[in-house]
Structure formats: structure tokens, C-alpha cells
Amino acid sequence: MPDQTEIELQAAAFRRLQKHLMEDRTDVQNIDMMNLTGFCRNCLSRWYQEAANERGIEMGKQEARELFYGMTMDEWKSKYQTDASNAQNEAFKVAFAENVGKPE
């Protein structure tokens, strides 16, 4: 497969994943994704930011999140985020440490 075709297919798969998470499955909470898979929407937006920064494109965390989410985090939270249980929060501490590093 030509490199450019592979890049285009990867980009299409990423866009479909983004649509799935942002439109089709807004009911799935980030904390549950992190606890089960080790990544969430915020991780995807951070990877987007890191890819931009590696290419010399200045992009901050908030800008990357808005690009990925298609809205501000405050908008997303008010529309879709629910309160996490104590058990979810405890599992998140472990998942975050294992997959991202020390929590901020």
C-alpha cells in the first residue's frame, strides 16, 4: 500500500473514531473509558496536540480539546458529563497513573 494511502486511511479511521465518541456515544463517560481502556477523549485531544507541537504547530491543551470535542470542555461537561462515583474515581487514579503518569 502506498504511504499516502495508508496515511489517508489512518486519518479516516481517526475521524470515524472521533465521530463515534463525540456524536454516537456521548453517553460513554471519559472516566469509564480511561478505567477500561487506559485512554479517553482527553487523551486523544492531547495526542492531537502533541502531534501538532511535534510538527512546529503551536497548540495548547484547551485549543486541542476544543478541536477534538467540537466545543469547549465546559459545554461538553454541561451536556454530557455525569458525576463519577467514588469507585470510578479510585479506579481512575490507578488507570491514570498506569497510562498517563502522576495525576495533576
C-alpha atoms as a PDB file:
ATOM      1  CA  MET A   1       0.000   0.000   0.000  1.00  0.00           C
ATOM      2  CA  PRO A   2       1.409   3.436  -0.862  1.00  0.00           C
ATOM      3  CA  ASP A   3       2.392   5.552   2.168  1.00  0.00           C
ATOM      4  CA  GLN A   4      -0.042   8.338   1.274  1.00  0.00           C
ATOM      5  CA  THR A   5      -2.933   5.884   1.005  1.00  0.00           C
ATOM      6  CA  GLU A   6      -2.072   4.430   4.401  1.00  0.00           C
ATOM      7  CA  ILE A   7      -1.972   7.943   5.926  1.00  0.00           C
ATOM      8  CA  GLU A   8      -5.353   8.754   4.383  1.00  0.00           C
ATOM      9  CA  LEU A   9      -6.885   5.535   5.711  1.00  0.00           C
ATOM     10  CA  GLN A  10      -5.471   6.174   9.179  1.00  0.00           C
ATOM     11  CA  ALA A  11      -6.869   9.718   9.114  1.00  0.00           C
ATOM     12  CA  ALA A  12     -10.279   8.419   8.026  1.00  0.00           C
ATOM     13  CA  ALA A  13     -10.267   5.842  10.833  1.00  0.00           C
ATOM     14  CA  PHE A  14      -9.344   8.554  13.352  1.00  0.00           C
ATOM     15  CA  ARG A  15     -12.159  10.809  12.102  1.00  0.00           C
ATOM     16  CA  ARG A  16     -14.619   7.910  12.442  1.00  0.00           C
ATOM     17  CA  LEU A  17     -13.421   7.185  15.976  1.00  0.00           C
ATOM     18  CA  GLN A  18     -13.802  10.853  16.827  1.00  0.00           C
ATOM     19  CA  LYS A  19     -17.348  10.939  15.383  1.00  0.00           C
ATOM     20  CA  HIS A  20     -18.240   7.765  17.247  1.00  0.00           C
ATOM     21  CA  LEU A  21     -17.080   9.211  20.570  1.00  0.00           C
ATOM     22  CA  MET A  22     -18.391  12.735  20.038  1.00  0.00           C
ATOM     23  CA  GLU A  23     -21.730  12.041  18.341  1.00  0.00           C
ATOM     24  CA  ASP A  24     -22.725   8.388  18.539  1.00  0.00           C
ATOM     25  CA  ARG A  25     -21.660   7.547  22.112  1.00  0.00           C
ATOM     26  CA  THR A  26     -21.837  10.731  24.155  1.00  0.00           C
ATOM     27  CA  ASP A  27     -23.260   8.525  26.921  1.00  0.00           C
ATOM     28  CA  VAL A  28     -19.885   6.865  27.449  1.00  0.00           C
ATOM     29  CA  GLN A  29     -18.057   8.760  30.172  1.00  0.00           C
ATOM     30  CA  ASN A  30     -14.362   9.619  29.883  1.00  0.00           C
ATOM     31  CA  ILE A  31     -13.691   8.144  33.308  1.00  0.00           C
ATOM     32  CA  ASP A  32     -15.148   4.799  32.215  1.00  0.00           C
ATOM     33  CA  MET A  33     -13.077   4.849  29.016  1.00  0.00           C
ATOM     34  CA  MET A  34      -9.907   5.559  30.996  1.00  0.00           C
ATOM     35  CA  ASN A  35     -10.688   2.914  33.567  1.00  0.00           C
ATOM     36  CA  LEU A  36     -11.377   0.258  30.924  1.00  0.00           C
ATOM     37  CA  THR A  37      -9.007   1.154  28.091  1.00  0.00           C
ATOM     38  CA  GLY A  38      -6.330   3.414  29.537  1.00  0.00           C
ATOM     39  CA  PHE A  39      -7.294   6.345  27.309  1.00  0.00           C
ATOM     40  CA  CYS A  40     -10.207   8.724  26.852  1.00  0.00           C
ATOM     41  CA  ARG A  41     -11.313  11.684  24.750  1.00  0.00           C
ATOM     42  CA  ASN A  42      -8.907  13.946  26.653  1.00  0.00           C
ATOM     43  CA  CYS A  43      -6.029  11.603  25.816  1.00  0.00           C
ATOM     44  CA  LEU A  44      -6.988  11.706  22.143  1.00  0.00           C
ATOM     45  CA  SER A  45      -7.047  15.502  22.210  1.00  0.00           C
ATOM     46  CA  ARG A  46      -3.650  15.513  23.976  1.00  0.00           C
ATOM     47  CA  TRP A  47      -2.201  13.220  21.301  1.00  0.00           C
ATOM     48  CA  TYR A  48      -3.611  15.610  18.684  1.00  0.00           C
ATOM     49  CA  GLN A  49      -1.859  18.492  20.471  1.00  0.00           C
ATOM     50  CA  GLU A  50       1.410  16.562  20.756  1.00  0.00           C
ATOM     51  CA  ALA A  51       1.330  15.712  17.035  1.00  0.00           C
ATOM     52  CA  ALA A  52       0.798  19.381  16.194  1.00  0.00           C
ATOM     53  CA  ASN A  53       3.577  20.515  18.526  1.00  0.00           C
ATOM     54  CA  GLU A  54       5.993  17.923  17.086  1.00  0.00           C
ATOM     55  CA  ARG A  55       5.395  19.499  13.686  1.00  0.00           C
ATOM     56  CA  GLY A  56       6.098  23.003  14.959  1.00  0.00           C
ATOM     57  CA  ILE A  57       2.429  23.977  15.199  1.00  0.00           C
ATOM     58  CA  GLU A  58       1.713  25.781  18.444  1.00  0.00           C
ATOM     59  CA  MET A  59      -1.370  24.323  20.067  1.00  0.00           C
ATOM     60  CA  GLY A  60      -2.333  24.397  23.718  1.00  0.00           C
ATOM     61  CA  LYS A  61      -4.360  21.892  25.706  1.00  0.00           C
ATOM     62  CA  GLN A  62      -7.589  23.908  25.571  1.00  0.00           C
ATOM     63  CA  GLU A  63      -7.320  24.530  21.823  1.00  0.00           C
ATOM     64  CA  ALA A  64      -6.687  20.838  21.166  1.00  0.00           C
ATOM     65  CA  ARG A  65      -9.661  19.851  23.299  1.00  0.00           C
ATOM     66  CA  GLU A  66     -11.939  22.303  21.513  1.00  0.00           C
ATOM     67  CA  LEU A  67     -10.784  20.986  18.140  1.00  0.00           C
ATOM     68  CA  PHE A  68     -11.341  17.377  19.180  1.00  0.00           C
ATOM     69  CA  TYR A  69     -14.588  17.909  21.099  1.00  0.00           C
ATOM     70  CA  GLY A  70     -16.008  20.464  18.668  1.00  0.00           C
ATOM     71  CA  MET A  71     -16.935  22.620  21.665  1.00  0.00           C
ATOM     72  CA  THR A  72     -15.430  23.889  24.905  1.00  0.00           C
ATOM     73  CA  MET A  73     -14.914  21.488  27.783  1.00  0.00           C
ATOM     74  CA  ASP A  74     -17.468  23.450  29.803  1.00  0.00           C
ATOM     75  CA  GLU A  75     -20.053  22.872  27.059  1.00  0.00           C
ATOM     76  CA  TRP A  76     -19.213  19.159  26.860  1.00  0.00           C
ATOM     77  CA  LYS A  77     -19.404  18.737  30.617  1.00  0.00           C
ATOM     78  CA  SER A  78     -22.739  20.524  30.896  1.00  0.00           C
ATOM     79  CA  LYS A  79     -24.261  18.475  28.058  1.00  0.00           C
ATOM     80  CA  TYR A  80     -22.834  15.007  28.641  1.00  0.00           C
ATOM     81  CA  GLN A  81     -20.676  14.514  31.737  1.00  0.00           C
ATOM     82  CA  THR A  82     -22.163  12.905  34.818  1.00  0.00           C
ATOM     83  CA  ASP A  83     -20.772  12.793  38.328  1.00  0.00           C
ATOM     84  CA  ALA A  84     -18.327   9.980  38.971  1.00  0.00           C
ATOM     85  CA  SER A  85     -18.806   7.554  41.814  1.00  0.00           C
ATOM     86  CA  ASN A  86     -16.168   7.006  44.497  1.00  0.00           C
ATOM     87  CA  ALA A  87     -15.351   3.637  42.912  1.00  0.00           C
ATOM     88  CA  GLN A  88     -14.885   5.251  39.479  1.00  0.00           C
ATOM     89  CA  ASN A  89     -12.618   7.920  40.973  1.00  0.00           C
ATOM     90  CA  GLU A  90     -10.489   5.333  42.773  1.00  0.00           C
ATOM     91  CA  ALA A  91     -10.160   3.215  39.618  1.00  0.00           C
ATOM     92  CA  PHE A  92      -9.290   6.358  37.662  1.00  0.00           C
ATOM     93  CA  LYS A  93      -6.336   7.132  39.952  1.00  0.00           C
ATOM     94  CA  VAL A  94      -4.866   3.735  39.149  1.00  0.00           C
ATOM     95  CA  ALA A  95      -5.642   3.881  35.408  1.00  0.00           C
ATOM     96  CA  PHE A  96      -4.268   7.406  35.076  1.00  0.00           C
ATOM     97  CA  ALA A  97      -1.045   6.541  36.896  1.00  0.00           C
ATOM     98  CA  GLU A  98      -0.542   3.400  34.798  1.00  0.00           C
ATOM     99  CA  ASN A  99      -1.316   5.024  31.444  1.00  0.00           C
ATOM    100  CA  VAL A 100      -0.513   8.723  31.689  1.00  0.00           C
ATOM    101  CA  GLY A 101       1.610   9.342  34.740  1.00  0.00           C
ATOM    102  CA  LYS A 102       1.201  11.112  38.023  1.00  0.00           C
ATOM    103  CA  PRO A 103      -2.190  12.922  38.168  1.00  0.00           C
ATOM    104  CA  GLU A 104      -2.034  16.730  38.110  1.00  0.00           C
END
